[in-house]
């Protein structure tokens, strides 16, 4: 059942009198308006959402760049480590030197 302020005023004026009914309905209207204003402050507008979205896109782009940067750096370090081990294989990894010292016939298909 929905009731409007006018209906409420009419019902209350019959029971309590016109002055009391008017004061009570004004109080209720003010309370409802205040509550709506408080709730509308917490709502996000389209511009708020687009600002947040653009900020998130920038952060994601930065994170992607950092991941690629670290991935390339680790790849380069790994390649340098392998090259260093191959060139100095008698000290570190004899298995690698034995694989690369096999005859070229081994590498052909």
PDB file of N, CA and C in Angstrom:
ATOM      1  N   UNK A   1       0.842  -1.168   0.000  1.00  0.00           N
ATOM      2  CA  UNK A   1       0.000   0.000   0.000  1.00  0.00           C
ATOM      3  C   UNK A   1       0.892   1.237   0.000  1.00  0.00           C
ATOM      4  N   UNK A   2       0.707   2.091  -0.971  1.00  0.00           N
ATOM      5  CA  UNK A   2       1.470   3.326  -1.022  1.00  0.00           C
ATOM      6  C   UNK A   2       0.583   4.474  -0.566  1.00  0.00           C
ATOM      7  N   UNK A   3       1.208   5.380   0.095  1.00  0.00           N
ATOM      8  CA  UNK A   3       0.464   6.539   0.604  1.00  0.00           C
ATOM      9  C   UNK A   3       1.257   7.787   0.271  1.00  0.00           C
ATOM     10  N   UNK A   4       0.593   8.786  -0.193  1.00  0.00           N
ATOM     11  CA  UNK A   4       1.251  10.050  -0.513  1.00  0.00           C
ATOM     12  C   UNK A   4       1.205  10.966   0.700  1.00  0.00           C
ATOM     13  N   UNK A   5       1.980  12.025   0.615  1.00  0.00           N
ATOM     14  CA  UNK A   5       2.005  13.003   1.708  1.00  0.00           C
ATOM     15  C   UNK A   5       0.625  13.643   1.868  1.00  0.00           C
ATOM     16  N   UNK A   6      -0.057  13.860   0.746  1.00  0.00           N
ATOM     17  CA  UNK A   6      -1.395  14.471   0.809  1.00  0.00           C
ATOM     18  C   UNK A   6      -2.375  13.558   1.534  1.00  0.00           C
ATOM     19  N   UNK A   7      -2.356  12.285   1.202  1.00  0.00           N
ATOM     20  CA  UNK A   7      -3.236  11.335   1.891  1.00  0.00           C
ATOM     21  C   UNK A   7      -2.896  11.266   3.370  1.00  0.00           C
ATOM     22  N   UNK A   8      -1.593  11.250   3.655  1.00  0.00           N
ATOM     23  CA  UNK A   8      -1.175  11.201   5.053  1.00  0.00           C
ATOM     24  C   UNK A   8      -1.650  12.440   5.799  1.00  0.00           C
ATOM     25  N   UNK A   9      -1.537  13.597   5.162  1.00  0.00           N
ATOM     26  CA  UNK A   9      -1.996  14.839   5.786  1.00  0.00           C
ATOM     27  C   UNK A   9      -3.500  14.779   6.061  1.00  0.00           C
ATOM     28  N   UNK A  10      -4.264  14.312   5.097  1.00  0.00           N
ATOM     29  CA  UNK A  10      -5.717  14.226   5.279  1.00  0.00           C
ATOM     30  C   UNK A  10      -6.072  13.271   6.417  1.00  0.00           C
ATOM     31  N   UNK A  11      -5.389  12.122   6.476  1.00  0.00           N
ATOM     32  CA  UNK A  11      -5.678  11.169   7.551  1.00  0.00           C
ATOM     33  C   UNK A  11      -5.294  11.725   8.918  1.00  0.00           C
ATOM     34  N   UNK A  12      -4.146  12.366   8.988  1.00  0.00           N
ATOM     35  CA  UNK A  12      -3.694  12.895  10.269  1.00  0.00           C
ATOM     36  C   UNK A  12      -4.509  14.108  10.710  1.00  0.00           C
ATOM     37  N   UNK A  13      -4.949  14.919   9.760  1.00  0.00           N
ATOM     38  CA  UNK A  13      -5.725  16.103  10.143  1.00  0.00           C
ATOM     39  C   UNK A  13      -7.070  15.707  10.749  1.00  0.00           C
ATOM     40  N   UNK A  14      -7.627  14.595  10.318  1.00  0.00           N
ATOM     41  CA  UNK A  14      -8.875  14.112  10.927  1.00  0.00           C
ATOM     42  C   UNK A  14      -8.649  13.653  12.360  1.00  0.00           C
ATOM     43  N   UNK A  15      -7.507  13.039  12.624  1.00  0.00           N
ATOM     44  CA  UNK A  15      -7.238  12.469  13.954  1.00  0.00           C
ATOM     45  C   UNK A  15      -6.564  13.478  14.896  1.00  0.00           C
ATOM     46  N   UNK A  16      -5.592  14.228  14.380  1.00  0.00           N
ATOM     47  CA  UNK A  16      -4.779  15.063  15.267  1.00  0.00           C
ATOM     48  C   UNK A  16      -5.038  16.561  15.136  1.00  0.00           C
ATOM     49  N   UNK A  17      -5.644  16.947  14.092  1.00  0.00           N
ATOM     50  CA  UNK A  17      -5.848  18.381  13.861  1.00  0.00           C
ATOM     51  C   UNK A  17      -4.951  18.855  12.738  1.00  0.00           C
ATOM     52  N   UNK A  18      -5.337  19.998  12.160  1.00  0.00           N
ATOM     53  CA  UNK A  18      -4.631  20.492  10.973  1.00  0.00           C
ATOM     54  C   UNK A  18      -3.210  20.935  11.267  1.00  0.00           C
ATOM     55  N   UNK A  19      -2.993  21.645  12.358  1.00  0.00           N
ATOM     56  CA  UNK A  19      -1.640  22.147  12.669  1.00  0.00           C
ATOM     57  C   UNK A  19      -0.659  21.007  12.923  1.00  0.00           C
ATOM     58  N   UNK A  20      -1.090  20.070  13.736  1.00  0.00           N
ATOM     59  CA  UNK A  20      -0.225  18.927  14.053  1.00  0.00           C
ATOM     60  C   UNK A  20       0.045  18.103  12.800  1.00  0.00           C
ATOM     61  N   UNK A  21      -0.974  17.875  11.988  1.00  0.00           N
ATOM     62  CA  UNK A  21      -0.807  17.102  10.755  1.00  0.00           C
ATOM     63  C   UNK A  21       0.144  17.814   9.793  1.00  0.00           C
ATOM     64  N   UNK A  22       0.015  19.130   9.688  1.00  0.00           N
ATOM     65  CA  UNK A  22       0.889  19.886   8.801  1.00  0.00           C
ATOM     66  C   UNK A  22       2.334  19.839   9.276  1.00  0.00           C
ATOM     67  N   UNK A  23       2.546  20.005  10.562  1.00  0.00           N
ATOM     68  CA  UNK A  23       3.902  19.940  11.115  1.00  0.00           C
ATOM     69  C   UNK A  23       4.511  18.551  10.924  1.00  0.00           C
ATOM     70  N   UNK A  24       3.714  17.542  11.138  1.00  0.00           N
ATOM     71  CA  UNK A  24       4.209  16.172  11.006  1.00  0.00           C
ATOM     72  C   UNK A  24       4.555  15.849   9.553  1.00  0.00           C
ATOM     73  N   UNK A  25       3.717  16.230   8.623  1.00  0.00           N
ATOM     74  CA  UNK A  25       4.015  15.963   7.210  1.00  0.00           C
ATOM     75  C   UNK A  25       5.218  16.773   6.728  1.00  0.00           C
ATOM     76  N   UNK A  26       5.382  17.995   7.204  1.00  0.00           N
ATOM     77  CA  UNK A  26       6.568  18.778   6.841  1.00  0.00           C
ATOM     78  C   UNK A  26       7.831  18.133   7.385  1.00  0.00           C
ATOM     79  N   UNK A  27       7.741  17.619   8.615  1.00  0.00           N
ATOM     80  CA  UNK A  27       8.882  16.923   9.209  1.00  0.00           C
ATOM     81  C   UNK A  27       9.239  15.686   8.384  1.00  0.00           C
ATOM     82  N   UNK A  28       8.230  14.930   7.989  1.00  0.00           N
ATOM     83  CA  UNK A  28       8.476  13.719   7.199  1.00  0.00           C
ATOM     84  C   UNK A  28       9.080  14.079   5.852  1.00  0.00           C
ATOM     85  N   UNK A  29       8.568  15.110   5.183  1.00  0.00           N
ATOM     86  CA  UNK A  29       9.118  15.539   3.898  1.00  0.00           C
ATOM     87  C   UNK A  29      10.577  15.971   4.035  1.00  0.00           C
ATOM     88  N   UNK A  30      10.876  16.730   5.102  1.00  0.00           N
ATOM     89  CA  UNK A  30      12.250  17.184   5.327  1.00  0.00           C
ATOM     90  C   UNK A  30      13.182  16.000   5.593  1.00  0.00           C
ATOM     91  N   UNK A  31      12.692  15.032   6.352  1.00  0.00           N
ATOM     92  CA  UNK A  31      13.495  13.849   6.674  1.00  0.00           C
ATOM     93  C   UNK A  31      13.776  13.027   5.413  1.00  0.00           C
ATOM     94  N   UNK A  32      12.769  12.865   4.569  1.00  0.00           N
ATOM     95  CA  UNK A  32      12.946  12.112   3.331  1.00  0.00           C
ATOM     96  C   UNK A  32      13.919  12.834   2.408  1.00  0.00           C
ATOM     97  N   UNK A  33      13.778  14.158   2.289  1.00  0.00           N
ATOM     98  CA  UNK A  33      14.665  14.926   1.419  1.00  0.00           C
ATOM     99  C   UNK A  33      16.114  14.863   1.909  1.00  0.00           C
ATOM    100  N   UNK A  34      16.289  14.937   3.222  1.00  0.00           N
ATOM    101  CA  UNK A  34      17.635  14.849   3.788  1.00  0.00           C
ATOM    102  C   UNK A  34      18.248  13.481   3.508  1.00  0.00           C
ATOM    103  N   UNK A  35      17.467  12.437   3.667  1.00  0.00           N
ATOM    104  CA  UNK A  35      17.963  11.079   3.421  1.00  0.00           C
ATOM    105  C   UNK A  35      18.321  10.886   1.945  1.00  0.00           C
ATOM    106  N   UNK A  36      17.500  11.418   1.049  1.00  0.00           N
ATOM    107  CA  UNK A  36      17.802  11.322  -0.376  1.00  0.00           C
ATOM    108  C   UNK A  36      19.077  12.082  -0.726  1.00  0.00           C
ATOM    109  N   UNK A  37      19.269  13.235  -0.132  1.00  0.00           N
ATOM    110  CA  UNK A  37      20.491  14.003  -0.378  1.00  0.00           C
ATOM    111  C   UNK A  37      21.726  13.259   0.116  1.00  0.00           C
ATOM    112  N   UNK A  38      21.601  12.613   1.274  1.00  0.00           N
ATOM    113  CA  UNK A  38      22.724  11.845   1.807  1.00  0.00           C
ATOM    114  C   UNK A  38      23.048  10.655   0.912  1.00  0.00           C
ATOM    115  N   UNK A  39      22.029  10.011   0.401  1.00  0.00           N
ATOM    116  CA  UNK A  39      22.262   8.853  -0.461  1.00  0.00           C
ATOM    117  C   UNK A  39      22.788   9.257  -1.828  1.00  0.00           C
ATOM    118  N   UNK A  40      22.368  10.404  -2.325  1.00  0.00           N
ATOM    119  CA  UNK A  40      22.813  10.822  -3.653  1.00  0.00           C
ATOM    120  C   UNK A  40      24.283  11.245  -3.651  1.00  0.00           C
ATOM    121  N   UNK A  41      24.825  11.586  -2.498  1.00  0.00           N
ATOM    122  CA  UNK A  41      26.240  11.944  -2.413  1.00  0.00           C
ATOM    123  C   UNK A  41      27.104  10.727  -2.725  1.00  0.00           C
ATOM    124  N   UNK A  42      26.650   9.542  -2.380  1.00  0.00           N
ATOM    125  CA  UNK A  42      27.429   8.327  -2.570  1.00  0.00           C
ATOM    126  C   UNK A  42      27.285   7.727  -3.957  1.00  0.00           C
ATOM    127  N   UNK A  43      26.465   8.299  -4.811  1.00  0.00           N
ATOM    128  CA  UNK A  43      26.283   7.772  -6.152  1.00  0.00           C
ATOM    129  C   UNK A  43      27.418   8.232  -7.066  1.00  0.00           C
ATOM    130  N   UNK A  44      27.795   7.352  -7.967  1.00  0.00           N
ATOM    131  CA  UNK A  44      28.842   7.693  -8.929  1.00  0.00           C
ATOM    132  C   UNK A  44      28.198   8.147 -10.222  1.00  0.00           C
ATOM    133  N   UNK A  45      28.764   9.178 -10.798  1.00  0.00           N
ATOM    134  CA  UNK A  45      28.273   9.664 -12.077  1.00  0.00           C
ATOM    135  C   UNK A  45      29.069   9.005 -13.204  1.00  0.00           C
ATOM    136  N   UNK A  46      28.641   9.233 -14.423  1.00  0.00           N
ATOM    137  CA  UNK A  46      29.358   8.666 -15.560  1.00  0.00           C
ATOM    138  C   UNK A  46      30.771   9.213 -15.648  1.00  0.00           C
ATOM    139  N   UNK A  47      30.931  10.487 -15.328  1.00  0.00           N
ATOM    140  CA  UNK A  47      32.279  11.066 -15.383  1.00  0.00           C
ATOM    141  C   UNK A  47      33.175  10.470 -14.293  1.00  0.00           C
ATOM    142  N   UNK A  48      32.612  10.188 -13.112  1.00  0.00           N
ATOM    143  CA  UNK A  48      33.396   9.533 -12.060  1.00  0.00           C
ATOM    144  C   UNK A  48      33.868   8.161 -12.515  1.00  0.00           C
ATOM    145  N   UNK A  49      32.975   7.424 -13.148  1.00  0.00           N
ATOM    146  CA  UNK A  49      33.316   6.079 -13.606  1.00  0.00           C
ATOM    147  C   UNK A  49      34.342   6.136 -14.735  1.00  0.00           C
ATOM    148  N   UNK A  50      34.189   7.086 -15.656  1.00  0.00           N
ATOM    149  CA  UNK A  50      35.152   7.183 -16.758  1.00  0.00           C
ATOM    150  C   UNK A  50      36.525   7.621 -16.244  1.00  0.00           C
ATOM    151  N   UNK A  51      36.566   8.494 -15.247  1.00  0.00           N
ATOM    152  CA  UNK A  51      37.850   8.879 -14.651  1.00  0.00           C
ATOM    153  C   UNK A  51      38.526   7.685 -13.999  1.00  0.00           C
ATOM    154  N   UNK A  52      37.745   6.918 -13.276  1.00  0.00           N
ATOM    155  CA  UNK A  52      38.281   5.730 -12.626  1.00  0.00           C
ATOM    156  C   UNK A  52      38.755   4.715 -13.656  1.00  0.00           C
ATOM    157  N   UNK A  53      37.990   4.563 -14.725  1.00  0.00           N
ATOM    158  CA  UNK A  53      38.342   3.613 -15.774  1.00  0.00           C
ATOM    159  C   UNK A  53      39.629   4.031 -16.472  1.00  0.00           C
ATOM    160  N   UNK A  54      39.783   5.304 -16.770  1.00  0.00           N
ATOM    161  CA  UNK A  54      41.013   5.758 -17.433  1.00  0.00           C
ATOM    162  C   UNK A  54      42.213   5.602 -16.505  1.00  0.00           C
ATOM    163  N   UNK A  55      42.010   5.844 -15.221  1.00  0.00           N
ATOM    164  CA  UNK A  55      43.097   5.634 -14.260  1.00  0.00           C
ATOM    165  C   UNK A  55      43.515   4.177 -14.185  1.00  0.00           C
ATOM    166  N   UNK A  56      42.524   3.284 -14.201  1.00  0.00           N
ATOM    167  CA  UNK A  56      42.841   1.861 -14.165  1.00  0.00           C
ATOM    168  C   UNK A  56      43.542   1.406 -15.435  1.00  0.00           C
ATOM    169  N   UNK A  57      43.117   1.956 -16.585  1.00  0.00           N
ATOM    170  CA  UNK A  57      43.784   1.610 -17.839  1.00  0.00           C
ATOM    171  C   UNK A  57      45.251   2.031 -17.808  1.00  0.00           C
ATOM    172  N   UNK A  58      45.521   3.192 -17.255  1.00  0.00           N
ATOM    173  CA  UNK A  58      46.907   3.663 -17.163  1.00  0.00           C
ATOM    174  C   UNK A  58      47.730   2.760 -16.249  1.00  0.00           C
ATOM    175  N   UNK A  59      47.151   2.356 -15.133  1.00  0.00           N
ATOM    176  CA  UNK A  59      47.871   1.472 -14.213  1.00  0.00           C
ATOM    177  C   UNK A  59      48.122   0.102 -14.838  1.00  0.00           C
ATOM    178  N   UNK A  60      47.148  -0.406 -15.579  1.00  0.00           N
ATOM    179  CA  UNK A  60      47.318  -1.706 -16.237  1.00  0.00           C
ATOM    180  C   UNK A  60      48.406  -1.610 -17.299  1.00  0.00           C
ATOM    181  N   UNK A  61      48.424  -0.523 -18.063  1.00  0.00           N
ATOM    182  CA  UNK A  61      49.461  -0.342 -19.086  1.00  0.00           C
ATOM    183  C   UNK A  61      50.845  -0.283 -18.451  1.00  0.00           C
ATOM    184  N   UNK A  62      50.951   0.402 -17.322  1.00  0.00           N
ATOM    185  CA  UNK A  62      52.239   0.484 -16.626  1.00  0.00           C
ATOM    186  C   UNK A  62      52.667  -0.882 -16.117  1.00  0.00           C
ATOM    187  N   UNK A  63      51.711  -1.641 -15.583  1.00  0.00           N
ATOM    188  CA  UNK A  63      52.026  -2.979 -15.078  1.00  0.00           C
ATOM    189  C   UNK A  63      52.465  -3.901 -16.217  1.00  0.00           C
ATOM    190  N   UNK A  64      51.804  -3.785 -17.377  1.00  0.00           N
ATOM    191  CA  UNK A  64      52.207  -4.598 -18.529  1.00  0.00           C
ATOM    192  C   UNK A  64      53.618  -4.241 -18.968  1.00  0.00           C
ATOM    193  N   UNK A  65      53.913  -2.952 -19.017  1.00  0.00           N
ATOM    194  CA  UNK A  65      55.258  -2.523 -19.411  1.00  0.00           C
ATOM    195  C   UNK A  65      56.296  -3.072 -18.439  1.00  0.00           C
ATOM    196  N   UNK A  66      56.018  -3.004 -17.147  1.00  0.00           N
ATOM    197  CA  UNK A  66      56.964  -3.520 -16.151  1.00  0.00           C
ATOM    198  C   UNK A  66      57.167  -5.022 -16.314  1.00  0.00           C
ATOM    199  N   UNK A  67      56.090  -5.741 -16.592  1.00  0.00           N
ATOM    200  CA  UNK A  67      56.217  -7.192 -16.770  1.00  0.00           C
ATOM    201  C   UNK A  67      57.056  -7.531 -17.999  1.00  0.00           C
ATOM    202  N   UNK A  68      56.835  -6.816 -19.099  1.00  0.00           N
ATOM    203  CA  UNK A  68      57.626  -7.051 -20.310  1.00  0.00           C
ATOM    204  C   UNK A  68      59.081  -6.686 -20.055  1.00  0.00           C
ATOM    205  N   UNK A  69      59.300  -5.578 -19.375  1.00  0.00           N
ATOM    206  CA  UNK A  69      60.672  -5.133 -19.068  1.00  0.00           C
ATOM    207  C   UNK A  69      61.411  -6.202 -18.254  1.00  0.00           C
ATOM    208  N   UNK A  70      60.762  -6.706 -17.217  1.00  0.00           N
ATOM    209  CA  UNK A  70      61.404  -7.726 -16.392  1.00  0.00           C
ATOM    210  C   UNK A  70      61.577  -9.036 -17.148  1.00  0.00           C
ATOM    211  N   UNK A  71      60.615  -9.381 -17.987  1.00  0.00           N
ATOM    212  CA  UNK A  71      60.733 -10.610 -18.772  1.00  0.00           C
ATOM    213  C   UNK A  71      61.904 -10.548 -19.742  1.00  0.00           C
ATOM    214  N   UNK A  72      62.051  -9.428 -20.451  1.00  0.00           N
ATOM    215  CA  UNK A  72      63.175  -9.266 -21.381  1.00  0.00           C
ATOM    216  C   UNK A  72      64.494  -9.250 -20.615  1.00  0.00           C
ATOM    217  N   UNK A  73      64.511  -8.573 -19.481  1.00  0.00           N
ATOM    218  CA  UNK A  73      65.749  -8.521 -18.682  1.00  0.00           C
ATOM    219  C   UNK A  73      66.160  -9.913 -18.223  1.00  0.00           C
ATOM    220  N   UNK A  74      65.203 -10.680 -17.747  1.00  0.00           N
ATOM    221  CA  UNK A  74      65.528 -12.039 -17.298  1.00  0.00           C
ATOM    222  C   UNK A  74      65.962 -12.926 -18.461  1.00  0.00           C
ATOM    223  N   UNK A  75      65.354 -12.729 -19.635  1.00  0.00           N
ATOM    224  CA  UNK A  75      65.761 -13.496 -20.802  1.00  0.00           C
ATOM    225  C   UNK A  75      67.196 -13.172 -21.187  1.00  0.00           C
ATOM    226  N   UNK A  76      67.544 -11.888 -21.200  1.00  0.00           N
ATOM    227  CA  UNK A  76      68.908 -11.487 -21.555  1.00  0.00           C
ATOM    228  C   UNK A  76      69.910 -12.041 -20.545  1.00  0.00           C
ATOM    229  N   UNK A  77      69.583 -11.976 -19.274  1.00  0.00           N
ATOM    230  CA  UNK A  77      70.486 -12.497 -18.242  1.00  0.00           C
ATOM    231  C   UNK A  77      70.644 -14.004 -18.398  1.00  0.00           C
ATOM    232  N   UNK A  78      69.564 -14.690 -18.705  1.00  0.00           N
ATOM    233  CA  UNK A  78      69.632 -16.148 -18.881  1.00  0.00           C
ATOM    234  C   UNK A  78      70.499 -16.499 -20.089  1.00  0.00           C
ATOM    235  N   UNK A  79      70.330 -15.775 -21.196  1.00  0.00           N
ATOM    236  CA  UNK A  79      71.150 -16.027 -22.381  1.00  0.00           C
ATOM    237  C   UNK A  79      72.617 -15.762 -22.072  1.00  0.00           C
ATOM    238  N   UNK A  80      72.896 -14.670 -21.383  1.00  0.00           N
ATOM    239  CA  UNK A  80      74.289 -14.376 -21.024  1.00  0.00           C
ATOM    240  C   UNK A  80      74.864 -15.442 -20.099  1.00  0.00           C
ATOM    241  N   UNK A  81      74.068 -15.942 -19.204  1.00  0.00           N
ATOM    242  CA  UNK A  81      74.522 -17.001 -18.300  1.00  0.00           C
ATOM    243  C   UNK A  81      74.838 -18.269 -19.078  1.00  0.00           C
ATOM    244  N   UNK A  82      73.979 -18.620 -20.017  1.00  0.00           N
ATOM    245  CA  UNK A  82      74.215 -19.826 -20.813  1.00  0.00           C
ATOM    246  C   UNK A  82      75.451 -19.656 -21.685  1.00  0.00           C
ATOM    247  N   UNK A  83      75.600 -18.493 -22.313  1.00  0.00           N
ATOM    248  CA  UNK A  83      76.783 -18.240 -23.141  1.00  0.00           C
ATOM    249  C   UNK A  83      78.034 -18.291 -22.287  1.00  0.00           C
ATOM    250  N   UNK A  84      77.963 -17.719 -21.122  1.00  0.00           N
ATOM    251  CA  UNK A  84      79.114 -17.756 -20.225  1.00  0.00           C
ATOM    252  C   UNK A  84      79.453 -19.171 -19.785  1.00  0.00           C
ATOM    253  N   UNK A  85      78.457 -19.968 -19.529  1.00  0.00           N
ATOM    254  CA  UNK A  85      78.703 -21.360 -19.128  1.00  0.00           C
ATOM    255  C   UNK A  85      79.277 -22.170 -20.274  1.00  0.00           C
ATOM    256  N   UNK A  86      78.805 -21.914 -21.484  1.00  0.00           N
ATOM    257  CA  UNK A  86      79.320 -22.653 -22.635  1.00  0.00           C
ATOM    258  C   UNK A  86      80.768 -22.275 -22.900  1.00  0.00           C
ATOM    259  N   UNK A  87      81.083 -20.994 -22.819  1.00  0.00           N
ATOM    260  CA  UNK A  87      82.459 -20.570 -23.078  1.00  0.00           C
ATOM    261  C   UNK A  87      83.411 -21.019 -21.975  1.00  0.00           C
ATOM    262  N   UNK A  88      82.911 -21.226 -20.802  1.00  0.00           N
ATOM    263  CA  UNK A  88      83.722 -21.645 -19.670  1.00  0.00           C
ATOM    264  C   UNK A  88      83.235 -22.999 -19.162  1.00  0.00           C
ATOM    265  N   UNK A  89      82.859 -23.870 -20.053  1.00  0.00           N
ATOM    266  CA  UNK A  89      82.140 -25.082 -19.674  1.00  0.00           C
ATOM    267  C   UNK A  89      82.979 -26.090 -18.911  1.00  0.00           C
ATOM    268  N   UNK A  90      84.275 -26.051 -19.019  1.00  0.00           N
ATOM    269  CA  UNK A  90      85.076 -27.043 -18.314  1.00  0.00           C
ATOM    270  C   UNK A  90      84.994 -26.864 -16.804  1.00  0.00           C
ATOM    271  N   UNK A  91      84.626 -25.661 -16.344  1.00  0.00           N
ATOM    272  CA  UNK A  91      84.530 -25.429 -14.910  1.00  0.00           C
ATOM    273  C   UNK A  91      83.141 -25.748 -14.354  1.00  0.00           C
ATOM    274  N   UNK A  92      82.109 -25.391 -15.081  1.00  0.00           N
ATOM    275  CA  UNK A  92      80.783 -25.429 -14.499  1.00  0.00           C
ATOM    276  C   UNK A  92      79.951 -26.618 -14.925  1.00  0.00           C
ATOM    277  N   UNK A  93      79.772 -26.768 -16.223  1.00  0.00           N
ATOM    278  CA  UNK A  93      78.833 -27.760 -16.715  1.00  0.00           C
ATOM    279  C   UNK A  93      79.498 -28.637 -17.770  1.00  0.00           C
ATOM    280  N   UNK A  94      80.096 -29.730 -17.375  1.00  0.00           N
ATOM    281  CA  UNK A  94      80.755 -30.593 -18.360  1.00  0.00           C
ATOM    282  C   UNK A  94      79.747 -31.230 -19.326  1.00  0.00           C
ATOM    283  N   UNK A  95      78.516 -31.401 -18.903  1.00  0.00           N
ATOM    284  CA  UNK A  95      77.508 -31.991 -19.773  1.00  0.00           C
ATOM    285  C   UNK A  95      77.247 -31.100 -20.984  1.00  0.00           C
ATOM    286  N   UNK A  96      77.192 -29.797 -20.752  1.00  0.00           N
ATOM    287  CA  UNK A  96      76.952 -28.860 -21.848  1.00  0.00           C
ATOM    288  C   UNK A  96      78.125 -28.889 -22.823  1.00  0.00           C
ATOM    289  N   UNK A  97      79.332 -28.918 -22.302  1.00  0.00           N
ATOM    290  CA  UNK A  97      80.493 -28.930 -23.199  1.00  0.00           C
ATOM    291  C   UNK A  97      80.556 -30.232 -23.978  1.00  0.00           C
ATOM    292  N   UNK A  98      80.121 -31.339 -23.371  1.00  0.00           N
ATOM    293  CA  UNK A  98      80.157 -32.600 -24.107  1.00  0.00           C
ATOM    294  C   UNK A  98      79.099 -32.619 -25.203  1.00  0.00           C
ATOM    295  N   UNK A  99      77.979 -31.986 -24.977  1.00  0.00           N
ATOM    296  CA  UNK A  99      76.948 -31.920 -26.020  1.00  0.00           C
ATOM    297  C   UNK A  99      77.436 -31.088 -27.185  1.00  0.00           C
ATOM    298  N   UNK A 100      78.072 -29.945 -26.901  1.00  0.00           N
ATOM    299  CA  UNK A 100      78.522 -29.078 -27.975  1.00  0.00           C
ATOM    300  C   UNK A 100      79.823 -29.562 -28.624  1.00  0.00           C
ATOM    301  N   UNK A 101      80.511 -30.477 -27.990  1.00  0.00           N
ATOM    302  CA  UNK A 101      81.744 -30.989 -28.595  1.00  0.00           C
ATOM    303  C   UNK A 101      81.471 -32.200 -29.477  1.00  0.00           C
ATOM    304  N   UNK A 102      80.219 -32.631 -29.568  1.00  0.00           N
ATOM    305  CA  UNK A 102      79.887 -33.743 -30.453  1.00  0.00           C
ATOM    306  C   UNK A 102      80.104 -33.342 -31.899  1.00  0.00           C
ATOM    307  N   UNK A 103      80.209 -34.330 -32.719  1.00  0.00           N
ATOM    308  CA  UNK A 103      80.476 -34.038 -34.134  1.00  0.00           C
ATOM    309  C   UNK A 103      79.299 -33.303 -34.760  1.00  0.00           C
ATOM    310  N   UNK A 104      79.528 -32.516 -35.774  1.00  0.00           N
ATOM    311  CA  UNK A 104      78.451 -31.787 -36.443  1.00  0.00           C
ATOM    312  C   UNK A 104      77.397 -32.716 -37.045  1.00  0.00           C
ATOM    313  N   UNK A 105      77.791 -33.978 -37.287  1.00  0.00           N
ATOM    314  CA  UNK A 105      76.858 -34.952 -37.819  1.00  0.00           C
ATOM    315  C   UNK A 105      75.673 -35.137 -36.860  1.00  0.00           C
ATOM    316  N   UNK A 106      75.924 -34.973 -35.576  1.00  0.00           N
ATOM    317  CA  UNK A 106      74.872 -35.140 -34.567  1.00  0.00           C
ATOM    318  C   UNK A 106      73.778 -34.071 -34.731  1.00  0.00           C
ATOM    319  N   UNK A 107      74.172 -32.873 -35.191  1.00  0.00           N
ATOM    320  CA  UNK A 107      73.221 -31.767 -35.267  1.00  0.00           C
ATOM    321  C   UNK A 107      72.411 -31.775 -36.554  1.00  0.00           C
ATOM    322  N   UNK A 108      72.766 -32.562 -37.523  1.00  0.00           N
ATOM    323  CA  UNK A 108      72.022 -32.589 -38.780  1.00  0.00           C
ATOM    324  C   UNK A 108      70.871 -33.577 -38.675  1.00  0.00           C
ATOM    325  N   UNK A 109      69.891 -33.363 -39.480  1.00  0.00           N
ATOM    326  CA  UNK A 109      68.697 -34.222 -39.411  1.00  0.00           C
ATOM    327  C   UNK A 109      68.671 -35.196 -40.538  1.00  0.00           C
TER     328      UNK A 109
END
